[in-house]
Amino acid sequence: MIKANGVVTRTAWAGAAYNLLLYMLASHVLGAAWYLLSVDRYTSCWKSYCKKENDPLKCILRYLDCDTFNHDDRKVWANHTTVFESCDPNKNSTFKYGIFENAITKSVVLSHFVEKYFYCLWWGLQQLSSYGQNLSTSMFMGETSFAILISILGLVLFAHLIGNMQTYLQSLTVRLEEWRLKRRDTEEWMRHRQLPEVLRQRVRRFVQYKWLATRGVDEEAILKGLPADLRRDIQRHLCLALVRRVPFFSQMDDQLLDAICERLVSSLSTEGTYIVREGDPVTEMLFIIRGRLESSTTNGGRTGFFNSTRLKPGDFCGEELLAWALHPKGSLNLPSSTRTVTALDEVEAFALRAEDLKFVANQFRRLHSKRLQHTFRYHSHHWRTWAACFIQAAWRRHKRRMVENSLSMSESFACESCEANKTEQDEGDHFSDGSSHSQARLNLGVTILASRFAANTRRGAQKVKDEMPKLPKPEEPDFSADEDSGSPAGGIGRRV
């Protein structure tokens, strides 16, 4: 059914058409043989009665040939002979035609070519399908042998059809059966380990999604068995167009993209899966192809701080690995994640492992370019969060200084007004008695103290309100290997 140098049937319809073609070809051969044998059997009857004819006009065998059809003596003989009537099965002929009788009674040998063709094809297909069970043969040995051949050929073709279709259907369902066995083993294992129903549902959902996404095909095993150049071309075809959708990768040249595509591996996640938790080591960078992720941080679990964002196709997470890979004296310890990443629905992505990223960073120094680093910082949610918090804190400090300056000016104005009122009262009431003068001075002092206390209280409340947890600045990638430090992009990176 499937040969390296022959027809490869890859669908059920193609397999059915292939086997039907064999049936039709065999039906053509059998129909043609049946027609020729019918003509031969008909002429055999003529010859046998021609030899027995003793009329005054004796039958000569050459009269039965088409070459003598227009001869005068042949015409005279044809008008008086009984050979044709004796061989006509419709007139109670004693000659036994057997399986060839229909060809004579239905005048197949005398009909037009198209009628002959379709009737003989139908006869051959009918006998192959029924293995010749409806054939009523005579005692003629050649006829019996032909019927035996029909039965054997029908059985062989039917066995060939069943065998090929069974092989093809098994090739289609073998992976499905393997998946069913694996799912059954997984269910037994979960039942043996007494896992809670929530975990069981998550395992079932992941196994189901993995089957729908890969159809049971181990892509890594297939690629590892191919030559390096073929594997690189396949990875480029599969990953390059998707990788270029990531803004961070769109700034790279083709050679660097080929090196990255060669090391990307497929990653599947179901809804509710934690890709990485805050504080855990980051083992891979994830580049989203389909699905959505939620990335959130509490800045190490500090009270009052929470930042969350949605990652869509084209985004990436695990950017802490890039600074770790570009560090000239990076440690063997993997960096800790600053965010918690959770799958909001089924996610398909490409993963770049830590060791592969380290290898690419060491081999391709162009990855250290400041323009690429600036693009990375622009699309990094970690850097965006830090920048937003930095701007917010600066704005609050500026606003607090504005309020403090406003309060200081208000206090100064209040003090000057009090001083002026005091002077006027002193000039107008210098003739008043001493007790009234002391009471006015006391009231003025209480007013000044109350104003200062209220201002200090407002400043303290504003200061407490503006306080927020400090978010540490992300680790600055190393620029020591940059070759084009004078580029405009590098200047922008320094200004940022």
Protein backbone atom coordinates (compact mmCIF):
# COMPACT_ATOMS: atom_id res chain seq x y z
CA MET A 1 0.00 0.00 0.00
CA ILE A 2 2.81 2.37 0.92
CA LYS A 3 6.07 1.95 -1.00
CA ALA A 4 9.13 4.15 -1.25
CA ASN A 5 9.03 4.05 -5.05
CA GLY A 6 5.30 3.69 -5.62
CA VAL A 7 1.97 5.24 -4.85
CA VAL A 8 1.64 6.54 -1.31
CA THR A 9 -1.92 6.63 -0.06
CA ARG A 10 -2.21 9.14 2.74
CA THR A 11 -5.98 9.36 3.10
CA ALA A 12 -8.81 6.87 3.32
CA TRP A 13 -10.27 8.17 0.04
CA ALA A 14 -6.96 7.68 -1.76
CA GLY A 15 -6.66 4.14 -0.43
CA ALA A 16 -10.20 3.28 -1.50
CA ALA A 17 -9.60 4.73 -4.98
CA TYR A 18 -6.37 2.75 -5.30
CA ASN A 19 -8.03 -0.57 -4.50
CA LEU A 20 -11.09 0.26 -6.61
CA LEU A 21 -8.74 0.87 -9.52
CA LEU A 22 -7.37 -2.66 -9.12
CA TYR A 23 -10.91 -4.05 -9.11
CA MET A 24 -11.85 -2.09 -12.22
CA LEU A 25 -8.71 -3.22 -14.04
CA ALA A 26 -9.37 -6.87 -13.20
CA SER A 27 -13.02 -6.43 -14.24
CA HIS A 28 -11.90 -5.09 -17.62
CA VAL A 29 -9.66 -8.12 -18.16
CA LEU A 30 -12.32 -10.63 -17.12
CA GLY A 31 -15.03 -8.93 -19.21
CA ALA A 32 -12.82 -8.90 -22.30
CA ALA A 33 -11.84 -12.55 -21.78
CA TRP A 34 -15.49 -13.51 -21.32
CA TYR A 35 -16.46 -11.75 -24.56
CA LEU A 36 -13.68 -13.40 -26.57
CA LEU A 37 -14.47 -16.81 -25.13
CA SER A 38 -18.16 -16.25 -25.92
CA VAL A 39 -17.32 -15.60 -29.58
CA ASP A 40 -15.03 -18.63 -29.62
CA ARG A 41 -17.75 -20.79 -28.06
CA TYR A 42 -20.28 -19.55 -30.62
CA THR A 43 -17.99 -20.38 -33.55
CA SER A 44 -17.26 -23.77 -32.00
CA CYS A 45 -20.98 -24.54 -32.20
CA TRP A 46 -21.04 -23.48 -35.85
CA LYS A 47 -18.07 -25.68 -36.67
CA SER A 48 -19.54 -28.70 -34.92
CA TYR A 49 -22.86 -28.46 -36.80
CA CYS A 50 -21.09 -27.57 -40.04
CA LYS A 51 -19.19 -30.85 -39.92
CA LYS A 52 -22.45 -32.76 -39.35
CA GLU A 53 -24.37 -31.11 -42.19
CA ASN A 54 -24.96 -33.50 -45.19
CA ASP A 55 -27.35 -31.40 -47.31
CA PRO A 56 -26.88 -31.14 -51.06
CA LEU A 57 -25.05 -27.87 -50.33
CA LYS A 58 -22.36 -29.18 -48.04
CA CYS A 59 -21.05 -26.79 -45.37
CA ILE A 60 -17.49 -25.70 -45.80
CA LEU A 61 -15.66 -24.23 -42.81
CA ARG A 62 -14.37 -21.28 -44.81
CA TYR A 63 -18.01 -20.16 -45.19
CA LEU A 64 -17.89 -19.26 -41.50
CA ASP A 65 -15.11 -16.69 -42.05
CA CYS A 66 -15.83 -13.05 -42.74
CA ASP A 67 -13.63 -13.12 -45.82
CA THR A 68 -16.23 -15.16 -47.73
CA PHE A 69 -19.23 -13.14 -46.61
CA ASN A 70 -19.86 -11.64 -50.08
CA HIS A 71 -19.11 -14.80 -52.12
CA ASP A 72 -22.00 -16.08 -54.24
CA ASP A 73 -21.65 -19.71 -53.22
CA ARG A 74 -21.54 -18.69 -49.58
CA LYS A 75 -24.75 -16.67 -49.94
CA VAL A 76 -26.49 -19.65 -51.54
CA TRP A 77 -25.34 -21.90 -48.73
CA ALA A 78 -26.44 -19.42 -46.03
CA ASN A 79 -29.99 -19.38 -47.43
CA HIS A 80 -30.35 -23.16 -47.12
CA THR A 81 -28.20 -24.16 -44.13
CA THR A 82 -29.52 -25.04 -40.64
CA VAL A 83 -26.22 -24.34 -38.82
CA PHE A 84 -27.22 -20.94 -37.51
CA GLU A 85 -30.63 -22.09 -36.29
CA SER A 86 -29.12 -25.10 -34.55
CA CYS A 87 -26.68 -22.88 -32.62
CA ASP A 88 -29.31 -20.31 -31.57
CA PRO A 89 -30.04 -20.81 -27.81
CA ASN A 90 -33.36 -19.00 -28.20
CA LYS A 91 -34.62 -21.82 -30.44
CA ASN A 92 -33.98 -24.70 -28.05
CA SER A 93 -30.49 -25.45 -29.24
CA THR A 94 -28.95 -28.63 -27.85
CA PHE A 95 -25.51 -26.99 -27.64
CA LYS A 96 -24.54 -26.01 -24.04
CA TYR A 97 -23.04 -22.55 -23.84
CA GLY A 98 -22.82 -22.47 -20.04
CA ILE A 99 -21.58 -19.12 -18.69
CA PHE A 100 -21.43 -17.71 -22.23
CA GLU A 101 -25.14 -18.12 -22.93
CA ASN A 102 -26.01 -14.50 -22.01
CA ALA A 103 -23.61 -13.20 -24.62
CA ILE A 104 -25.56 -15.12 -27.30
CA THR A 105 -29.12 -14.62 -26.09
CA LYS A 106 -28.65 -10.89 -25.49
CA SER A 107 -26.81 -10.43 -28.80
CA VAL A 108 -23.76 -8.94 -27.12
CA VAL A 109 -21.56 -10.08 -29.97
CA LEU A 110 -23.78 -8.21 -32.46
CA SER A 111 -24.20 -4.92 -30.51
CA HIS A 112 -22.25 -1.68 -30.80
CA PHE A 113 -18.85 -1.23 -29.17
CA VAL A 114 -20.00 1.02 -26.30
CA GLU A 115 -22.77 -1.40 -25.38
CA LYS A 116 -20.34 -4.32 -25.53
CA TYR A 117 -17.81 -2.45 -23.39
CA PHE A 118 -20.12 -1.54 -20.50
CA TYR A 119 -21.91 -4.88 -20.43
CA CYS A 120 -18.65 -6.84 -20.35
CA LEU A 121 -17.28 -4.51 -17.65
CA TRP A 122 -20.39 -5.05 -15.56
CA TRP A 123 -20.18 -8.82 -16.01
CA GLY A 124 -16.54 -8.91 -14.88
CA LEU A 125 -17.18 -6.67 -11.86
CA GLN A 126 -20.22 -8.73 -10.86
CA GLN A 127 -18.33 -12.03 -10.99
CA LEU A 128 -15.34 -10.65 -9.06
CA SER A 129 -17.57 -9.30 -6.31
CA SER A 130 -19.45 -12.62 -5.97
CA TYR A 131 -16.36 -14.83 -6.51
CA GLY A 132 -18.19 -16.51 -9.44
CA GLN A 133 -20.79 -18.10 -7.18
CA ASN A 134 -23.68 -17.38 -9.58
CA LEU A 135 -21.96 -18.98 -12.59
CA SER A 136 -23.66 -22.05 -14.08
CA THR A 137 -21.00 -23.84 -16.12
CA SER A 138 -21.27 -26.66 -18.62
CA MET A 139 -19.04 -29.74 -18.82
CA PHE A 140 -16.62 -27.96 -21.14
CA MET A 141 -13.21 -28.02 -19.48
CA GLY A 142 -12.09 -24.60 -20.70
CA GLU A 143 -15.26 -22.99 -19.37
CA THR A 144 -14.82 -24.66 -15.99
CA SER A 145 -11.19 -23.53 -15.79
CA PHE A 146 -12.23 -19.97 -16.57
CA ALA A 147 -14.81 -20.06 -13.76
CA ILE A 148 -12.16 -21.38 -11.34
CA LEU A 149 -9.86 -18.53 -12.35
CA ILE A 150 -12.62 -16.01 -11.65
CA SER A 151 -13.21 -17.40 -8.16
CA ILE A 152 -9.51 -17.40 -7.25
CA LEU A 153 -8.93 -13.91 -8.64
CA GLY A 154 -11.94 -12.54 -6.75
CA LEU A 155 -10.70 -14.03 -3.47
CA VAL A 156 -7.17 -12.69 -3.99
CA LEU A 157 -8.32 -9.18 -4.81
CA PHE A 158 -10.75 -9.12 -1.90
CA ALA A 159 -8.04 -10.31 0.50
CA HIS A 160 -5.71 -7.67 -0.92
CA LEU A 161 -8.33 -4.96 -0.41
CA ILE A 162 -9.11 -6.02 3.16
CA GLY A 163 -5.45 -6.36 4.07
CA ASN A 164 -4.45 -2.98 2.70
CA MET A 165 -7.39 -1.15 4.21
CA GLN A 166 -6.78 -2.81 7.57
CA THR A 167 -3.11 -1.85 7.44
CA TYR A 168 -3.95 1.72 6.58
CA LEU A 169 -6.65 2.04 9.23
CA GLN A 170 -4.28 0.59 11.81
CA SER A 171 -1.66 3.14 10.82
CA LEU A 172 -4.25 5.85 11.41
CA THR A 173 -5.45 4.54 14.74
CA VAL A 174 -2.20 3.21 16.19
CA ARG A 175 -1.34 6.56 17.77
CA LEU A 176 -4.89 6.93 19.00
CA GLU A 177 -4.69 3.51 20.63
CA GLU A 178 -1.34 4.41 22.17
CA TRP A 179 -2.88 7.59 23.55
CA ARG A 180 -5.82 5.64 24.97
CA LEU A 181 -3.47 3.17 26.65
CA LYS A 182 -1.39 6.01 28.04
CA ARG A 183 -4.50 7.77 29.31
CA ARG A 184 -5.69 4.56 30.95
CA ASP A 185 -2.29 4.09 32.61
CA THR A 186 -2.42 7.70 33.79
CA GLU A 187 -5.87 7.18 35.29
CA GLU A 188 -4.71 4.05 37.11
CA TRP A 189 -1.64 5.86 38.42
CA MET A 190 -3.68 8.82 39.68
CA ARG A 191 -6.13 6.44 41.33
CA HIS A 192 -3.27 4.52 42.95
CA ARG A 193 -1.67 7.72 44.26
CA GLN A 194 -5.06 9.02 45.42
CA LEU A 195 -4.68 12.40 43.78
CA PRO A 196 -7.47 14.92 44.45
CA GLU A 197 -10.05 15.50 41.75
CA VAL A 198 -8.71 18.99 40.98
CA LEU A 199 -5.28 17.64 40.08
CA ARG A 200 -6.83 14.81 38.09
CA GLN A 201 -8.81 17.26 35.99
CA ARG A 202 -5.69 19.30 35.29
CA VAL A 203 -3.78 16.19 34.21
CA ARG A 204 -6.63 15.05 31.94
CA ARG A 205 -6.92 18.50 30.39
CA PHE A 206 -3.19 18.66 29.65
CA VAL A 207 -3.08 15.16 28.12
CA GLN A 208 -6.11 15.99 25.97
CA TYR A 209 -4.66 19.30 24.79
CA LYS A 210 -1.28 17.73 24.02
CA TRP A 211 -2.95 15.09 21.87
CA LEU A 212 -4.98 17.67 19.96
CA ALA A 213 -1.90 19.82 19.38
CA THR A 214 0.59 17.10 18.37
CA ARG A 215 -1.58 14.08 17.43
CA GLY A 216 0.83 11.95 19.43
CA VAL A 217 3.87 12.87 17.34
CA ASP A 218 7.15 13.40 19.21
CA GLU A 219 8.59 16.30 17.23
CA GLU A 220 11.89 16.40 19.12
CA ALA A 221 12.56 12.72 18.44
CA ILE A 222 11.83 13.18 14.73
CA LEU A 223 14.09 16.22 14.41
CA LYS A 224 16.96 14.58 16.29
CA GLY A 225 17.03 11.76 13.76
CA LEU A 226 17.56 14.14 10.82
CA PRO A 227 20.83 15.62 9.50
CA ALA A 228 21.90 18.96 10.89
CA ASP A 229 21.29 20.97 7.71
CA LEU A 230 17.86 19.44 7.15
CA ARG A 231 16.95 19.95 10.79
CA ARG A 232 18.03 23.59 10.57
CA ASP A 233 15.95 24.20 7.44
CA ILE A 234 12.89 22.58 9.03
CA GLN A 235 13.26 24.61 12.21
CA ARG A 236 13.65 27.76 10.14
CA HIS A 237 10.47 26.96 8.19
CA LEU A 238 8.52 26.21 11.37
CA CYS A 239 9.79 28.94 13.66
CA LEU A 240 11.20 31.87 11.70
CA ALA A 241 7.90 33.48 10.69
CA LEU A 242 6.54 33.09 14.21
CA VAL A 243 9.73 34.27 15.87
CA ARG A 244 9.80 37.43 13.76
CA ARG A 245 6.42 38.36 15.26
CA VAL A 246 8.22 38.89 18.57
CA PRO A 247 9.43 42.51 18.56
CA PHE A 248 12.60 41.55 20.40
CA PHE A 249 13.58 39.05 17.69
CA SER A 250 12.65 41.31 14.79
CA GLN A 251 15.82 43.36 15.41
CA MET A 252 18.14 40.36 14.88
CA ASP A 253 19.84 39.28 11.66
CA ASP A 254 19.15 35.98 9.90
CA GLN A 255 22.22 34.18 11.19
CA LEU A 256 21.35 34.91 14.79
CA LEU A 257 17.71 33.98 14.20
CA ASP A 258 18.77 30.66 12.67
CA ALA A 259 20.85 29.88 15.75
CA ILE A 260 17.91 30.68 18.02
CA CYS A 261 15.34 28.79 15.90
CA GLU A 262 17.58 25.73 15.94
CA ARG A 263 17.34 25.61 19.73
CA LEU A 264 13.70 26.51 20.22
CA VAL A 265 11.47 23.73 21.52
CA SER A 266 7.70 23.54 21.56
CA SER A 267 5.91 24.17 24.85
CA LEU A 268 2.25 23.53 25.69
CA SER A 269 0.34 24.78 28.74
CA THR A 270 -3.29 24.44 29.76
CA GLU A 271 -5.53 26.95 31.49
CA GLY A 272 -4.50 27.69 35.07
CA THR A 273 -0.95 26.34 34.70
CA TYR A 274 1.77 28.27 36.54
CA ILE A 275 4.58 28.79 34.06
CA VAL A 276 6.86 30.24 36.74
CA ARG A 277 6.30 31.61 40.24
CA GLU A 278 7.81 34.72 41.75
CA GLY A 279 11.08 33.82 43.44
CA ASP A 280 11.59 30.51 41.60
CA PRO A 281 14.62 30.01 39.33
CA VAL A 282 13.99 30.96 35.70
CA THR A 283 14.91 28.02 33.48
CA GLU A 284 13.68 29.23 30.08
CA MET A 285 12.43 32.16 28.07
CA LEU A 286 8.95 31.64 26.67
CA PHE A 287 7.81 33.21 23.39
CA ILE A 288 4.04 33.07 22.98
CA ILE A 289 2.57 31.84 19.71
CA ARG A 290 -1.06 31.26 20.71
CA GLY A 291 -3.00 31.92 23.89
CA ARG A 292 -2.76 34.45 26.73
CA LEU A 293 -0.71 34.64 29.91
CA GLU A 294 -1.04 36.77 33.04
CA SER A 295 2.17 38.17 34.51
CA SER A 296 1.96 39.64 38.02
CA THR A 297 4.37 40.67 40.77
CA THR A 298 4.19 41.69 44.44
CA ASN A 299 7.82 42.89 44.57
CA GLY A 300 8.92 40.07 46.80
CA GLY A 301 5.65 39.85 48.74
CA ARG A 302 5.64 43.43 50.05
CA THR A 303 2.40 44.70 51.47
CA GLY A 304 0.52 47.22 49.35
CA PHE A 305 2.30 46.43 46.07
CA PHE A 306 0.74 44.52 43.17
CA ASN A 307 1.30 44.83 39.43
CA SER A 308 -0.35 42.70 36.75
CA THR A 309 -0.33 42.63 32.95
CA ARG A 310 -1.56 40.39 30.13
CA LEU A 311 0.81 38.69 27.68
CA LYS A 312 -0.54 38.03 24.19
CA PRO A 313 0.89 36.31 21.10
CA GLY A 314 4.16 38.01 20.22
CA ASP A 315 5.11 38.74 23.86
CA PHE A 316 7.67 36.88 25.93
CA CYS A 317 8.46 36.18 29.56
CA GLY A 318 11.50 35.05 31.50
CA GLU A 319 13.58 38.05 30.44
CA GLU A 320 15.68 37.70 33.60
CA LEU A 321 17.62 35.04 31.72
CA LEU A 322 18.91 37.51 29.14
CA ALA A 323 20.75 39.69 31.66
CA TRP A 324 22.11 36.51 33.24
CA ALA A 325 23.30 35.15 29.88
CA LEU A 326 24.95 38.45 28.84
CA HIS A 327 26.79 38.94 32.11
CA PRO A 328 30.53 38.44 31.42
CA LYS A 329 31.10 36.81 34.81
CA GLY A 330 27.69 35.27 35.31
CA SER A 331 27.32 32.67 38.02
CA LEU A 332 26.08 29.15 37.52
CA ASN A 333 23.02 29.89 39.63
CA LEU A 334 19.96 30.73 37.59
CA PRO A 335 18.28 34.10 38.23
CA SER A 336 15.13 34.27 40.31
CA SER A 337 11.86 35.21 38.70
CA THR A 338 10.48 38.64 39.57
CA ARG A 339 6.98 37.78 38.36
CA THR A 340 4.38 35.02 38.54
CA VAL A 341 3.21 33.90 35.09
CA THR A 342 -0.07 31.98 34.75
CA ALA A 343 -1.82 30.62 31.64
CA LEU A 344 -5.27 32.15 31.13
CA ASP A 345 -6.18 29.58 28.46
CA GLU A 346 -4.47 26.95 26.32
CA VAL A 347 -1.06 28.34 25.38
CA GLU A 348 1.29 27.22 22.63
CA ALA A 349 4.74 28.73 22.73
CA PHE A 350 8.40 28.23 21.90
CA ALA A 351 10.82 27.86 24.79
CA LEU A 352 14.50 28.82 24.79
CA ARG A 353 16.27 27.02 27.61
CA ALA A 354 18.84 28.72 29.82
CA GLU A 355 21.81 26.70 28.57
CA ASP A 356 20.83 27.32 24.93
CA LEU A 357 20.50 31.07 25.51
CA LYS A 358 23.89 31.11 27.23
CA PHE A 359 25.42 29.29 24.27
CA VAL A 360 23.91 31.70 21.75
CA ALA A 361 25.03 34.72 23.79
CA ASN A 362 28.60 33.41 23.96
CA GLN A 363 28.81 32.44 20.30
CA PHE A 364 27.12 35.48 18.80
CA ARG A 365 28.46 38.67 20.34
CA ARG A 366 26.01 40.72 18.28
CA LEU A 367 23.46 39.82 20.91
CA HIS A 368 25.27 42.36 23.13
CA SER A 369 24.45 45.32 20.88
CA LYS A 370 22.94 48.29 22.69
CA ARG A 371 20.18 48.64 20.13
CA LEU A 372 19.06 45.10 20.85
CA GLN A 373 19.36 45.71 24.57
CA HIS A 374 17.27 48.86 24.29
CA THR A 375 14.58 46.94 22.35
CA PHE A 376 14.63 44.28 25.06
CA ARG A 377 14.13 46.86 27.82
CA TYR A 378 11.31 48.53 25.90
CA HIS A 379 9.32 45.30 25.58
CA SER A 380 10.27 43.87 28.98
CA HIS A 381 7.37 44.02 31.48
CA HIS A 382 9.87 43.99 34.34
CA TRP A 383 11.52 47.16 33.06
CA ARG A 384 8.15 48.73 32.29
CA THR A 385 6.96 48.10 35.83
CA TRP A 386 10.13 49.57 37.29
CA ALA A 387 9.88 52.64 35.02
CA ALA A 388 6.22 53.18 35.93
CA CYS A 389 6.99 52.97 39.66
CA PHE A 390 10.00 55.27 39.27
CA ILE A 391 7.94 57.90 37.42
CA GLN A 392 5.11 57.59 39.93
CA ALA A 393 7.46 58.04 42.89
CA ALA A 394 9.12 61.07 41.25
CA TRP A 395 5.73 62.64 40.56
CA ARG A 396 4.62 62.12 44.16
CA ARG A 397 7.82 63.70 45.48
CA HIS A 398 7.29 66.67 43.19
CA LYS A 399 3.66 66.98 44.28
CA ARG A 400 4.64 66.76 47.96
CA ARG A 401 7.21 69.53 47.54
CA MET A 402 4.58 71.69 45.85
CA VAL A 403 2.21 71.18 48.79
CA GLU A 404 4.95 71.93 51.30
CA ASN A 405 5.88 75.15 49.51
CA SER A 406 2.22 76.18 49.40
CA LEU A 407 1.81 75.54 53.14
CA SER A 408 4.98 77.49 53.92
CA MET A 409 3.72 80.48 51.95
CA SER A 410 0.36 80.27 53.73
CA GLU A 411 2.05 80.22 57.15
CA SER A 412 4.23 83.20 56.27
CA PHE A 413 1.21 85.16 55.11
CA ALA A 414 -0.70 84.26 58.29
CA CYS A 415 2.21 85.35 60.48
CA GLU A 416 2.55 88.68 58.68
CA SER A 417 -1.20 89.31 59.06
CA CYS A 418 -1.01 88.53 62.76
CA GLU A 419 1.97 90.86 63.19
CA ALA A 420 0.09 93.70 61.44
CA ASN A 421 -3.03 93.19 63.52
CA LYS A 422 -0.93 93.16 66.65
CA THR A 423 0.72 96.46 65.73
CA GLU A 424 -2.61 98.11 64.98
CA GLN A 425 -4.07 96.90 68.24
CA ASP A 426 -1.03 98.19 70.11
CA GLU A 427 -1.30 101.62 68.51
CA GLY A 428 -5.10 101.89 68.95
CA ASP A 429 -5.29 100.45 72.44
CA HIS A 430 -2.17 101.85 74.08
CA PHE A 431 -4.50 103.54 76.50
CA SER A 432 -6.32 100.30 77.39
CA ASP A 433 -5.79 98.60 80.66
CA GLY A 434 -3.15 95.92 81.18
CA SER A 435 -5.53 92.94 81.52
CA SER A 436 -7.10 93.45 78.04
CA HIS A 437 -3.65 93.71 76.44
CA SER A 438 -2.47 90.43 77.97
CA GLN A 439 -5.64 88.59 76.84
CA ALA A 440 -5.20 89.68 73.17
CA ARG A 441 -1.55 88.57 73.16
CA LEU A 442 -2.54 85.16 74.52
CA ASN A 443 -5.23 84.67 71.84
CA LEU A 444 -2.75 85.56 69.10
CA GLY A 445 -0.20 83.03 70.32
CA VAL A 446 -2.80 80.24 70.43
CA THR A 447 -3.83 81.01 66.84
CA ILE A 448 -0.23 80.83 65.57
CA LEU A 449 0.45 77.53 67.34
CA ALA A 450 -2.77 75.98 66.00
CA SER A 451 -1.89 77.01 62.44
CA ARG A 452 1.58 75.48 62.69
CA PHE A 453 0.21 72.26 64.20
CA ALA A 454 -2.32 71.86 61.38
CA ALA A 455 0.36 72.41 58.74
CA ASN A 456 2.69 69.85 60.32
CA THR A 457 -0.18 67.36 60.55
CA ARG A 458 -1.02 67.77 56.85
CA ARG A 459 2.63 67.34 55.85
CA GLY A 460 2.94 64.18 57.92
CA ALA A 461 -0.24 62.67 56.50
CA GLN A 462 0.82 63.48 52.95
CA LYS A 463 4.23 61.92 53.57
CA VAL A 464 2.71 58.72 54.92
CA LYS A 465 0.26 58.58 52.01
CA ASP A 466 3.00 59.00 49.40
CA GLU A 467 5.20 56.28 50.82
CA MET A 468 5.26 53.13 48.65
CA PRO A 469 7.53 50.09 48.56
CA LYS A 470 10.67 50.69 46.58
CA LEU A 471 10.96 48.50 43.50
CA PRO A 472 14.58 47.54 42.77
CA LYS A 473 15.89 48.44 39.36
CA PRO A 474 16.29 45.44 37.03
CA GLU A 475 19.80 44.21 36.49
CA GLU A 476 21.53 46.20 33.78
CA PRO A 477 22.76 44.00 30.89
CA ASP A 478 26.45 44.12 30.06
CA PHE A 479 27.48 46.42 27.19
CA SER A 480 31.19 45.67 27.25
CA ALA A 481 31.04 43.56 24.08
CA ASP A 482 29.17 46.17 22.03
CA GLU A 483 30.98 47.04 18.83
CA ASP A 484 28.85 49.93 17.62
CA SER A 485 28.63 52.06 20.75
CA GLY A 486 28.43 55.22 18.71
CA SER A 487 25.18 54.35 16.99
CA PRO A 488 22.08 56.48 17.56
CA ALA A 489 20.37 53.55 19.18
CA GLY A 490 23.21 53.27 21.68
CA GLY A 491 22.81 56.96 22.56
CA ILE A 492 19.14 56.44 23.19
CA GLY A 493 19.95 53.50 25.43
CA ARG A 494 22.34 55.66 27.52
CA ARG A 495 19.83 58.45 27.83
CA VAL A 496 17.16 56.03 29.02
